[in-house]
Amino acid sequence: MEVHSVKSITYGDLTFEQVCAKIKDYTKKDLQGTYVISIGTDSQSYEGVTKMVSVITLIRKSKGGIFFYDIRK
């Protein structure tokens, strides 16, 4: 069975379980912070190939954020 990784500019290739752990660690840094999590997917077909992109974004309002993405064809 192939394990598919999720990508992060900050953390590199991660498993989904590692992404969950990074999100948990990030929110622990500021327990009083206000967070917004967004999950989205989009696709585009071109010349018979469909590219699908999924993104998980965690924003700590007024203090930055982190994101993770996956691209599949």
C-alpha atoms as a PDB file:
ATOM      1  CA  MET A   1       0.000   0.000   0.000  1.00  0.00           C
ATOM      2  CA  GLU A   2       1.386   3.394  -1.006  1.00  0.00           C
ATOM      3  CA  VAL A   3       1.449   6.063   1.692  1.00  0.00           C
ATOM      4  CA  HIS A   4       0.667   9.436   0.167  1.00  0.00           C
ATOM      5  CA  SER A   5       2.278  12.462   1.747  1.00  0.00           C
ATOM      6  CA  VAL A   6       0.960  15.970   2.226  1.00  0.00           C
ATOM      7  CA  LYS A   7       3.345  18.868   1.571  1.00  0.00           C
ATOM      8  CA  SER A   8       4.279  21.899   3.622  1.00  0.00           C
ATOM      9  CA  ILE A   9       6.677  24.682   2.701  1.00  0.00           C
ATOM     10  CA  THR A  10       7.718  24.842   6.362  1.00  0.00           C
ATOM     11  CA  TYR A  11       7.787  21.140   7.314  1.00  0.00           C
ATOM     12  CA  GLY A  12       8.325  19.259   4.017  1.00  0.00           C
ATOM     13  CA  ASP A  13       6.540  15.981   3.258  1.00  0.00           C
ATOM     14  CA  LEU A  14       4.216  14.760   6.025  1.00  0.00           C
ATOM     15  CA  THR A  15       1.705  11.999   6.574  1.00  0.00           C
ATOM     16  CA  PHE A  16      -1.845  13.021   7.427  1.00  0.00           C
ATOM     17  CA  GLU A  17      -1.181  11.997  11.043  1.00  0.00           C
ATOM     18  CA  GLN A  18       1.867  14.295  11.139  1.00  0.00           C
ATOM     19  CA  VAL A  19      -0.229  17.166   9.744  1.00  0.00           C
ATOM     20  CA  CYS A  20      -2.718  16.661  12.585  1.00  0.00           C
ATOM     21  CA  ALA A  21       0.151  16.700  15.109  1.00  0.00           C
ATOM     22  CA  LYS A  22       1.590  19.930  13.598  1.00  0.00           C
ATOM     23  CA  ILE A  23      -1.827  21.611  13.825  1.00  0.00           C
ATOM     24  CA  LYS A  24      -2.151  20.510  17.458  1.00  0.00           C
ATOM     25  CA  ASP A  25       1.358  21.782  18.282  1.00  0.00           C
ATOM     26  CA  TYR A  26       0.680  25.100  16.521  1.00  0.00           C
ATOM     27  CA  THR A  27      -2.496  25.768  18.494  1.00  0.00           C
ATOM     28  CA  LYS A  28      -0.790  24.831  21.774  1.00  0.00           C
ATOM     29  CA  LYS A  29       1.596  27.782  21.317  1.00  0.00           C
ATOM     30  CA  ASP A  30      -1.265  30.237  21.899  1.00  0.00           C
ATOM     31  CA  LEU A  31      -4.219  28.669  23.684  1.00  0.00           C
ATOM     32  CA  GLN A  32      -5.975  32.040  23.946  1.00  0.00           C
ATOM     33  CA  GLY A  33      -5.616  32.769  20.225  1.00  0.00           C
ATOM     34  CA  THR A  34      -8.462  32.861  17.749  1.00  0.00           C
ATOM     35  CA  TYR A  35      -8.047  30.286  14.979  1.00  0.00           C
ATOM     36  CA  VAL A  36      -9.732  29.701  11.661  1.00  0.00           C
ATOM     37  CA  ILE A  37      -9.246  26.421   9.819  1.00  0.00           C
ATOM     38  CA  SER A  38     -10.180  26.131   6.164  1.00  0.00           C
ATOM     39  CA  ILE A  39     -10.119  23.012   4.023  1.00  0.00           C
ATOM     40  CA  GLY A  40     -10.620  23.266   0.300  1.00  0.00           C
ATOM     41  CA  THR A  41     -10.267  21.345  -2.936  1.00  0.00           C
ATOM     42  CA  ASP A  42     -10.235  22.439  -6.556  1.00  0.00           C
ATOM     43  CA  SER A  43      -9.557  20.705  -9.844  1.00  0.00           C
ATOM     44  CA  GLN A  44      -8.690  21.604 -13.393  1.00  0.00           C
ATOM     45  CA  SER A  45      -8.616  19.423 -16.501  1.00  0.00           C
ATOM     46  CA  TYR A  46      -6.219  20.146 -19.337  1.00  0.00           C
ATOM     47  CA  GLU A  47      -5.416  17.958 -22.330  1.00  0.00           C
ATOM     48  CA  GLY A  48      -6.997  14.871 -20.787  1.00  0.00           C
ATOM     49  CA  VAL A  49      -5.292  15.207 -17.392  1.00  0.00           C
ATOM     50  CA  THR A  50      -7.129  16.356 -14.289  1.00  0.00           C
ATOM     51  CA  LYS A  51      -5.105  18.012 -11.541  1.00  0.00           C
ATOM     52  CA  MET A  52      -6.716  18.091  -8.098  1.00  0.00           C
ATOM     53  CA  VAL A  53      -5.361  20.297  -5.317  1.00  0.00           C
ATOM     54  CA  SER A  54      -6.412  20.055  -1.665  1.00  0.00           C
ATOM     55  CA  VAL A  55      -5.345  22.562   0.999  1.00  0.00           C
ATOM     56  CA  ILE A  56      -5.609  22.735   4.791  1.00  0.00           C
ATOM     57  CA  THR A  57      -5.002  26.244   6.157  1.00  0.00           C
ATOM     58  CA  LEU A  58      -4.822  27.210   9.822  1.00  0.00           C
ATOM     59  CA  ILE A  59      -4.849  30.944  10.556  1.00  0.00           C
ATOM     60  CA  ARG A  60      -4.126  32.388  13.981  1.00  0.00           C
ATOM     61  CA  LYS A  61      -5.907  35.721  13.590  1.00  0.00           C
ATOM     62  CA  SER A  62      -3.485  38.662  13.430  1.00  0.00           C
ATOM     63  CA  LYS A  63      -0.529  36.318  14.083  1.00  0.00           C
ATOM     64  CA  GLY A  64       0.092  34.327  10.905  1.00  0.00           C
ATOM     65  CA  GLY A  65      -0.700  30.757  10.028  1.00  0.00           C
ATOM     66  CA  ILE A  66       0.384  27.493   8.453  1.00  0.00           C
ATOM     67  CA  PHE A  67      -0.863  25.485   5.494  1.00  0.00           C
ATOM     68  CA  PHE A  68      -0.542  22.040   3.983  1.00  0.00           C
ATOM     69  CA  TYR A  69      -1.344  20.948   0.430  1.00  0.00           C
ATOM     70  CA  ASP A  70      -1.650  17.899  -1.786  1.00  0.00           C
ATOM     71  CA  ILE A  71      -1.557  17.815  -5.596  1.00  0.00           C
ATOM     72  CA  ARG A  72      -2.678  14.745  -7.537  1.00  0.00           C
ATOM     73  CA  LYS A  73      -3.101  14.055 -11.241  1.00  0.00           C
END
